[in-house]
Amino acid sequence: MRLRYEINITWSEEDRAFIATVPELPGCAADGETYQEAIQNVEIVMQEWIETARELERPIPEPKYSAIASINQLI
């Protein structure tokens, strides 16, 4: 399954981890020691979010974007 949802990545000093959130899927978030790991982890959570929504017959938002527009890299 190809997921094309916007992913926001921020650094959490408190958690000492990168936090990836998906604004279009409420509650969909994951973390990782690197931003690549955070993205990999949130992609898994996105798939699980969508599978659960289907099982519960809840609406699944359409992605805002048809392709990944940009990736902001933290330096």
PDB file of N, CA and C in Angstrom:
ATOM      1  N   MET A   1       0.845  -1.175   0.000  1.00  0.00           N
ATOM      2  CA  MET A   1       0.000   0.000   0.000  1.00  0.00           C
ATOM      3  C   MET A   1       0.894   1.243   0.000  1.00  0.00           C
ATOM      4  N   ARG A   2       0.624   2.158  -0.907  1.00  0.00           N
ATOM      5  CA  ARG A   2       1.397   3.393  -1.011  1.00  0.00           C
ATOM      6  C   ARG A   2       0.650   4.481  -0.261  1.00  0.00           C
ATOM      7  N   LEU A   3       1.287   5.003   0.775  1.00  0.00           N
ATOM      8  CA  LEU A   3       0.676   6.047   1.596  1.00  0.00           C
ATOM      9  C   LEU A   3       1.286   7.393   1.237  1.00  0.00           C
ATOM     10  N   ARG A   4       0.447   8.369   0.984  1.00  0.00           N
ATOM     11  CA  ARG A   4       0.942   9.679   0.552  1.00  0.00           C
ATOM     12  C   ARG A   4       0.432  10.777   1.463  1.00  0.00           C
ATOM     13  N   TYR A   5       0.443  10.532   2.726  1.00  0.00           N
ATOM     14  CA  TYR A   5       0.008  11.529   3.692  1.00  0.00           C
ATOM     15  C   TYR A   5       1.189  12.393   4.131  1.00  0.00           C
ATOM     16  N   GLU A   6       0.869  13.616   4.494  1.00  0.00           N
ATOM     17  CA  GLU A   6       1.878  14.532   5.019  1.00  0.00           C
ATOM     18  C   GLU A   6       2.405  13.991   6.348  1.00  0.00           C
ATOM     19  N   ILE A   7       3.715  14.044   6.526  1.00  0.00           N
ATOM     20  CA  ILE A   7       4.349  13.620   7.771  1.00  0.00           C
ATOM     21  C   ILE A   7       5.146  14.800   8.307  1.00  0.00           C
ATOM     22  N   ASN A   8       4.895  15.176   9.545  1.00  0.00           N
ATOM     23  CA  ASN A   8       5.665  16.226  10.213  1.00  0.00           C
ATOM     24  C   ASN A   8       6.644  15.570  11.166  1.00  0.00           C
ATOM     25  N   ILE A   9       7.892  16.026  11.119  1.00  0.00           N
ATOM     26  CA  ILE A   9       8.913  15.463  11.998  1.00  0.00           C
ATOM     27  C   ILE A   9       9.512  16.584  12.840  1.00  0.00           C
ATOM     28  N   THR A  10       9.532  16.367  14.142  1.00  0.00           N
ATOM     29  CA  THR A  10      10.122  17.326  15.062  1.00  0.00           C
ATOM     30  C   THR A  10      11.045  16.588  16.028  1.00  0.00           C
ATOM     31  N   TRP A  11      11.954  17.326  16.616  1.00  0.00           N
ATOM     32  CA  TRP A  11      12.843  16.768  17.632  1.00  0.00           C
ATOM     33  C   TRP A  11      12.245  17.052  18.992  1.00  0.00           C
ATOM     34  N   SER A  12      12.173  16.044  19.844  1.00  0.00           N
ATOM     35  CA  SER A  12      11.710  16.207  21.216  1.00  0.00           C
ATOM     36  C   SER A  12      12.910  16.070  22.145  1.00  0.00           C
ATOM     37  N   GLU A  13      13.297  17.188  22.735  1.00  0.00           N
ATOM     38  CA  GLU A  13      14.405  17.163  23.686  1.00  0.00           C
ATOM     39  C   GLU A  13      14.038  16.316  24.900  1.00  0.00           C
ATOM     40  N   GLU A  14      12.779  16.422  25.311  1.00  0.00           N
ATOM     41  CA  GLU A  14      12.302  15.662  26.470  1.00  0.00           C
ATOM     42  C   GLU A  14      12.426  14.153  26.250  1.00  0.00           C
ATOM     43  N   ASP A  15      12.023  13.705  25.058  1.00  0.00           N
ATOM     44  CA  ASP A  15      12.063  12.272  24.744  1.00  0.00           C
ATOM     45  C   ASP A  15      13.395  11.848  24.138  1.00  0.00           C
ATOM     46  N   ARG A  16      14.207  12.840  23.733  1.00  0.00           N
ATOM     47  CA  ARG A  16      15.481  12.564  23.061  1.00  0.00           C
ATOM     48  C   ARG A  16      15.240  11.684  21.830  1.00  0.00           C
ATOM     49  N   ALA A  17      14.233  12.085  21.047  1.00  0.00           N
ATOM     50  CA  ALA A  17      13.848  11.313  19.866  1.00  0.00           C
ATOM     51  C   ALA A  17      13.182  12.227  18.843  1.00  0.00           C
ATOM     52  N   PHE A  18      13.188  11.785  17.590  1.00  0.00           N
ATOM     53  CA  PHE A  18      12.423  12.449  16.549  1.00  0.00           C
ATOM     54  C   PHE A  18      10.991  11.939  16.640  1.00  0.00           C
ATOM     55  N   ILE A  19      10.028  12.846  16.547  1.00  0.00           N
ATOM     56  CA  ILE A  19       8.612  12.494  16.609  1.00  0.00           C
ATOM     57  C   ILE A  19       8.005  12.763  15.234  1.00  0.00           C
ATOM     58  N   ALA A  20       7.380  11.756  14.661  1.00  0.00           N
ATOM     59  CA  ALA A  20       6.711  11.882  13.363  1.00  0.00           C
ATOM     60  C   ALA A  20       5.205  11.806  13.588  1.00  0.00           C
ATOM     61  N   THR A  21       4.493  12.809  13.087  1.00  0.00           N
ATOM     62  CA  THR A  21       3.035  12.833  13.204  1.00  0.00           C
ATOM     63  C   THR A  21       2.411  12.962  11.817  1.00  0.00           C
ATOM     64  N   VAL A  22       1.184  12.464  11.699  1.00  0.00           N
ATOM     65  CA  VAL A  22       0.441  12.531  10.440  1.00  0.00           C
ATOM     66  C   VAL A  22      -0.823  13.342  10.722  1.00  0.00           C
ATOM     67  N   PRO A  23      -0.810  14.644  10.388  1.00  0.00           N
ATOM     68  CA  PRO A  23      -1.936  15.516  10.741  1.00  0.00           C
ATOM     69  C   PRO A  23      -3.303  15.046  10.245  1.00  0.00           C
ATOM     70  N   GLU A  24      -3.338  14.400   9.094  1.00  0.00           N
ATOM     71  CA  GLU A  24      -4.620  13.974   8.515  1.00  0.00           C
ATOM     72  C   GLU A  24      -5.213  12.734   9.186  1.00  0.00           C
ATOM     73  N   LEU A  25      -4.395  12.018   9.959  1.00  0.00           N
ATOM     74  CA  LEU A  25      -4.858  10.810  10.645  1.00  0.00           C
ATOM     75  C   LEU A  25      -4.736  11.056  12.154  1.00  0.00           C
ATOM     76  N   PRO A  26      -5.793  11.500  12.793  1.00  0.00           N
ATOM     77  CA  PRO A  26      -5.726  11.858  14.215  1.00  0.00           C
ATOM     78  C   PRO A  26      -5.127  10.757  15.093  1.00  0.00           C
ATOM     79  N   GLY A  27      -4.153  11.162  15.909  1.00  0.00           N
ATOM     80  CA  GLY A  27      -3.527  10.222  16.828  1.00  0.00           C
ATOM     81  C   GLY A  27      -2.426   9.380  16.208  1.00  0.00           C
ATOM     82  N   CYS A  28      -2.170   9.558  14.934  1.00  0.00           N
ATOM     83  CA  CYS A  28      -1.161   8.753  14.241  1.00  0.00           C
ATOM     84  C   CYS A  28       0.205   9.399  14.429  1.00  0.00           C
ATOM     85  N   ALA A  29       1.053   8.734  15.208  1.00  0.00           N
ATOM     86  CA  ALA A  29       2.388   9.264  15.503  1.00  0.00           C
ATOM     87  C   ALA A  29       3.325   8.122  15.871  1.00  0.00           C
ATOM     88  N   ALA A  30       4.616   8.378  15.710  1.00  0.00           N
ATOM     89  CA  ALA A  30       5.643   7.408  16.093  1.00  0.00           C
ATOM     90  C   ALA A  30       6.931   8.182  16.349  1.00  0.00           C
ATOM     91  N   ASP A  31       7.897   7.507  16.942  1.00  0.00           N
ATOM     92  CA  ASP A  31       9.172   8.165  17.191  1.00  0.00           C
ATOM     93  C   ASP A  31      10.315   7.291  16.712  1.00  0.00           C
ATOM     94  N   GLY A  32      11.517   7.853  16.783  1.00  0.00           N
ATOM     95  CA  GLY A  32      12.709   7.117  16.398  1.00  0.00           C
ATOM     96  C   GLY A  32      13.948   7.866  16.817  1.00  0.00           C
ATOM     97  N   GLU A  33      15.056   7.145  16.942  1.00  0.00           N
ATOM     98  CA  GLU A  33      16.322   7.771  17.313  1.00  0.00           C
ATOM     99  C   GLU A  33      16.858   8.662  16.195  1.00  0.00           C
ATOM    100  N   THR A  34      16.502   8.349  14.936  1.00  0.00           N
ATOM    101  CA  THR A  34      16.863   9.172  13.784  1.00  0.00           C
ATOM    102  C   THR A  34      15.573   9.543  13.058  1.00  0.00           C
ATOM    103  N   TYR A  35      15.660  10.579  12.195  1.00  0.00           N
ATOM    104  CA  TYR A  35      14.429  10.923  11.486  1.00  0.00           C
ATOM    105  C   TYR A  35      14.039   9.839  10.501  1.00  0.00           C
ATOM    106  N   GLN A  36      15.012   9.112   9.948  1.00  0.00           N
ATOM    107  CA  GLN A  36      14.690   7.998   9.057  1.00  0.00           C
ATOM    108  C   GLN A  36      13.922   6.909   9.812  1.00  0.00           C
ATOM    109  N   GLU A  37      14.369   6.624  11.028  1.00  0.00           N
ATOM    110  CA  GLU A  37      13.680   5.614  11.844  1.00  0.00           C
ATOM    111  C   GLU A  37      12.279   6.088  12.207  1.00  0.00           C
ATOM    112  N   ALA A  38      12.131   7.369  12.510  1.00  0.00           N
ATOM    113  CA  ALA A  38      10.806   7.910  12.834  1.00  0.00           C
ATOM    114  C   ALA A  38       9.861   7.766  11.639  1.00  0.00           C
ATOM    115  N   ILE A  39      10.366   8.025  10.435  1.00  0.00           N
ATOM    116  CA  ILE A  39       9.543   7.870   9.232  1.00  0.00           C
ATOM    117  C   ILE A  39       9.159   6.410   9.029  1.00  0.00           C
ATOM    118  N   GLN A  40      10.119   5.510   9.147  1.00  0.00           N
ATOM    119  CA  GLN A  40       9.819   4.086   8.992  1.00  0.00           C
ATOM    120  C   GLN A  40       8.759   3.650   9.994  1.00  0.00           C
ATOM    121  N   ASN A  41       8.907   4.088  11.240  1.00  0.00           N
ATOM    122  CA  ASN A  41       7.960   3.689  12.280  1.00  0.00           C
ATOM    123  C   ASN A  41       6.573   4.279  12.045  1.00  0.00           C
ATOM    124  N   VAL A  42       6.515   5.539  11.606  1.00  0.00           N
ATOM    125  CA  VAL A  42       5.195   6.141  11.393  1.00  0.00           C
ATOM    126  C   VAL A  42       4.507   5.530  10.176  1.00  0.00           C
ATOM    127  N   GLU A  43       5.260   5.069   9.188  1.00  0.00           N
ATOM    128  CA  GLU A  43       4.633   4.390   8.042  1.00  0.00           C
ATOM    129  C   GLU A  43       3.926   3.115   8.487  1.00  0.00           C
ATOM    130  N   ILE A  44       4.507   2.405   9.424  1.00  0.00           N
ATOM    131  CA  ILE A  44       3.865   1.202   9.973  1.00  0.00           C
ATOM    132  C   ILE A  44       2.592   1.590  10.717  1.00  0.00           C
ATOM    133  N   VAL A  45       2.685   2.635  11.527  1.00  0.00           N
ATOM    134  CA  VAL A  45       1.524   3.085  12.305  1.00  0.00           C
ATOM    135  C   VAL A  45       0.424   3.587  11.377  1.00  0.00           C
ATOM    136  N   MET A  46       0.786   4.259  10.275  1.00  0.00           N
ATOM    137  CA  MET A  46      -0.213   4.719   9.308  1.00  0.00           C
ATOM    138  C   MET A  46      -0.981   3.533   8.730  1.00  0.00           C
ATOM    139  N   GLN A  47      -0.267   2.487   8.349  1.00  0.00           N
ATOM    140  CA  GLN A  47      -0.938   1.305   7.801  1.00  0.00           C
ATOM    141  C   GLN A  47      -1.888   0.697   8.832  1.00  0.00           C
ATOM    142  N   GLU A  48      -1.428   0.615  10.074  1.00  0.00           N
ATOM    143  CA  GLU A  48      -2.275   0.066  11.135  1.00  0.00           C
ATOM    144  C   GLU A  48      -3.490   0.963  11.389  1.00  0.00           C
ATOM    145  N   TRP A  49      -3.290   2.287  11.327  1.00  0.00           N
ATOM    146  CA  TRP A  49      -4.388   3.237  11.520  1.00  0.00           C
ATOM    147  C   TRP A  49      -5.463   2.991  10.472  1.00  0.00           C
ATOM    148  N   ILE A  50      -5.041   2.872   9.215  1.00  0.00           N
ATOM    149  CA  ILE A  50      -5.984   2.678   8.108  1.00  0.00           C
ATOM    150  C   ILE A  50      -6.675   1.321   8.212  1.00  0.00           C
ATOM    151  N   GLU A  51      -5.929   0.271   8.540  1.00  0.00           N
ATOM    152  CA  GLU A  51      -6.536  -1.059   8.708  1.00  0.00           C
ATOM    153  C   GLU A  51      -7.587  -1.047   9.811  1.00  0.00           C
ATOM    154  N   THR A  52      -7.285  -0.393  10.912  1.00  0.00           N
ATOM    155  CA  THR A  52      -8.232  -0.322  12.034  1.00  0.00           C
ATOM    156  C   THR A  52      -9.466   0.472  11.636  1.00  0.00           C
ATOM    157  N   ALA A  53      -9.270   1.591  10.940  1.00  0.00           N
ATOM    158  CA  ALA A  53     -10.415   2.388  10.487  1.00  0.00           C
ATOM    159  C   ALA A  53     -11.317   1.567   9.572  1.00  0.00           C
ATOM    160  N   ARG A  54     -10.719   0.782   8.684  1.00  0.00           N
ATOM    161  CA  ARG A  54     -11.520  -0.073   7.793  1.00  0.00           C
ATOM    162  C   ARG A  54     -12.321  -1.102   8.590  1.00  0.00           C
ATOM    163  N   GLU A  55     -11.633  -1.747   9.549  1.00  0.00           N
ATOM    164  CA  GLU A  55     -12.307  -2.760  10.372  1.00  0.00           C
ATOM    165  C   GLU A  55     -13.478  -2.169  11.147  1.00  0.00           C
ATOM    166  N   LEU A  56     -13.312  -0.928  11.614  1.00  0.00           N
ATOM    167  CA  LEU A  56     -14.360  -0.267  12.401  1.00  0.00           C
ATOM    168  C   LEU A  56     -15.334   0.513  11.526  1.00  0.00           C
ATOM    169  N   GLU A  57     -15.142   0.416  10.196  1.00  0.00           N
ATOM    170  CA  GLU A  57     -15.979   1.107   9.219  1.00  0.00           C
ATOM    171  C   GLU A  57     -16.025   2.607   9.474  1.00  0.00           C
ATOM    172  N   ARG A  58     -14.862   3.165   9.792  1.00  0.00           N
ATOM    173  CA  ARG A  58     -14.729   4.613   9.989  1.00  0.00           C
ATOM    174  C   ARG A  58     -14.171   5.234   8.716  1.00  0.00           C
ATOM    175  N   PRO A  59     -14.467   6.518   8.502  1.00  0.00           N
ATOM    176  CA  PRO A  59     -13.954   7.172   7.292  1.00  0.00           C
ATOM    177  C   PRO A  59     -12.428   7.298   7.318  1.00  0.00           C
ATOM    178  N   ILE A  60     -11.842   7.167   6.153  1.00  0.00           N
ATOM    179  CA  ILE A  60     -10.402   7.322   5.993  1.00  0.00           C
ATOM    180  C   ILE A  60     -10.177   8.569   5.134  1.00  0.00           C
ATOM    181  N   PRO A  61      -9.531   9.582   5.704  1.00  0.00           N
ATOM    182  CA  PRO A  61      -9.316  10.819   4.936  1.00  0.00           C
ATOM    183  C   PRO A  61      -8.467  10.577   3.695  1.00  0.00           C
ATOM    184  N   GLU A  62      -8.800  11.283   2.621  1.00  0.00           N
ATOM    185  CA  GLU A  62      -7.966  11.255   1.422  1.00  0.00           C
ATOM    186  C   GLU A  62      -6.725  12.099   1.702  1.00  0.00           C
ATOM    187  N   PRO A  63      -5.572  11.679   1.191  1.00  0.00           N
ATOM    188  CA  PRO A  63      -4.374  12.508   1.359  1.00  0.00           C
ATOM    189  C   PRO A  63      -4.566  13.879   0.705  1.00  0.00           C
ATOM    190  N   LYS A  64      -4.023  14.915   1.336  1.00  0.00           N
ATOM    191  CA  LYS A  64      -4.103  16.271   0.772  1.00  0.00           C
ATOM    192  C   LYS A  64      -3.271  16.394  -0.490  1.00  0.00           C
ATOM    193  N   TYR A  65      -2.183  15.650  -0.526  1.00  0.00           N
ATOM    194  CA  TYR A  65      -1.239  15.776  -1.631  1.00  0.00           C
ATOM    195  C   TYR A  65      -1.208  14.483  -2.435  1.00  0.00           C
ATOM    196  N   SER A  66      -0.993  14.600  -3.741  1.00  0.00           N
ATOM    197  CA  SER A  66      -0.913  13.406  -4.570  1.00  0.00           C
ATOM    198  C   SER A  66       0.502  12.832  -4.595  1.00  0.00           C
ATOM    199  N   ALA A  67       1.451  13.591  -4.094  1.00  0.00           N
ATOM    200  CA  ALA A  67       2.834  13.117  -4.020  1.00  0.00           C
ATOM    201  C   ALA A  67       3.539  13.859  -2.898  1.00  0.00           C
ATOM    202  N   ILE A  68       4.651  13.338  -2.486  1.00  0.00           N
ATOM    203  CA  ILE A  68       5.417  13.999  -1.442  1.00  0.00           C
ATOM    204  C   ILE A  68       5.960  15.299  -2.020  1.00  0.00           C
ATOM    205  N   ALA A  69       5.618  16.423  -1.372  1.00  0.00           N
ATOM    206  CA  ALA A  69       6.009  17.727  -1.896  1.00  0.00           C
ATOM    207  C   ALA A  69       7.419  18.103  -1.452  1.00  0.00           C
ATOM    208  N   SER A  70       7.730  17.857  -0.179  1.00  0.00           N
ATOM    209  CA  SER A  70       9.048  18.228   0.301  1.00  0.00           C
ATOM    210  C   SER A  70       9.326  17.527   1.608  1.00  0.00           C
ATOM    211  N   ILE A  71      10.577  17.458   1.936  1.00  0.00           N
ATOM    212  CA  ILE A  71      10.994  16.896   3.209  1.00  0.00           C
ATOM    213  C   ILE A  71      11.883  17.942   3.871  1.00  0.00           C
ATOM    214  N   ASN A  72      11.511  18.358   5.078  1.00  0.00           N
ATOM    215  CA  ASN A  72      12.321  19.322   5.805  1.00  0.00           C
ATOM    216  C   ASN A  72      13.299  18.557   6.667  1.00  0.00           C
ATOM    217  N   GLN A  73      14.558  18.758   6.407  1.00  0.00           N
ATOM    218  CA  GLN A  73      15.606  18.065   7.143  1.00  0.00           C
ATOM    219  C   GLN A  73      16.090  18.963   8.277  1.00  0.00           C
ATOM    220  N   LEU A  74      16.142  18.415   9.467  1.00  0.00           N
ATOM    221  CA  LEU A  74      16.639  19.148  10.613  1.00  0.00           C
ATOM    222  C   LEU A  74      18.147  19.039  10.654  1.00  0.00           C
ATOM    223  N   ILE A  75      18.810  20.149  10.822  1.00  0.00           N
ATOM    224  CA  ILE A  75      20.266  20.155  10.870  1.00  0.00           C
ATOM    225  C   ILE A  75      20.716  20.589  12.247  1.00  0.00           C
TER     226      ILE A  75
END
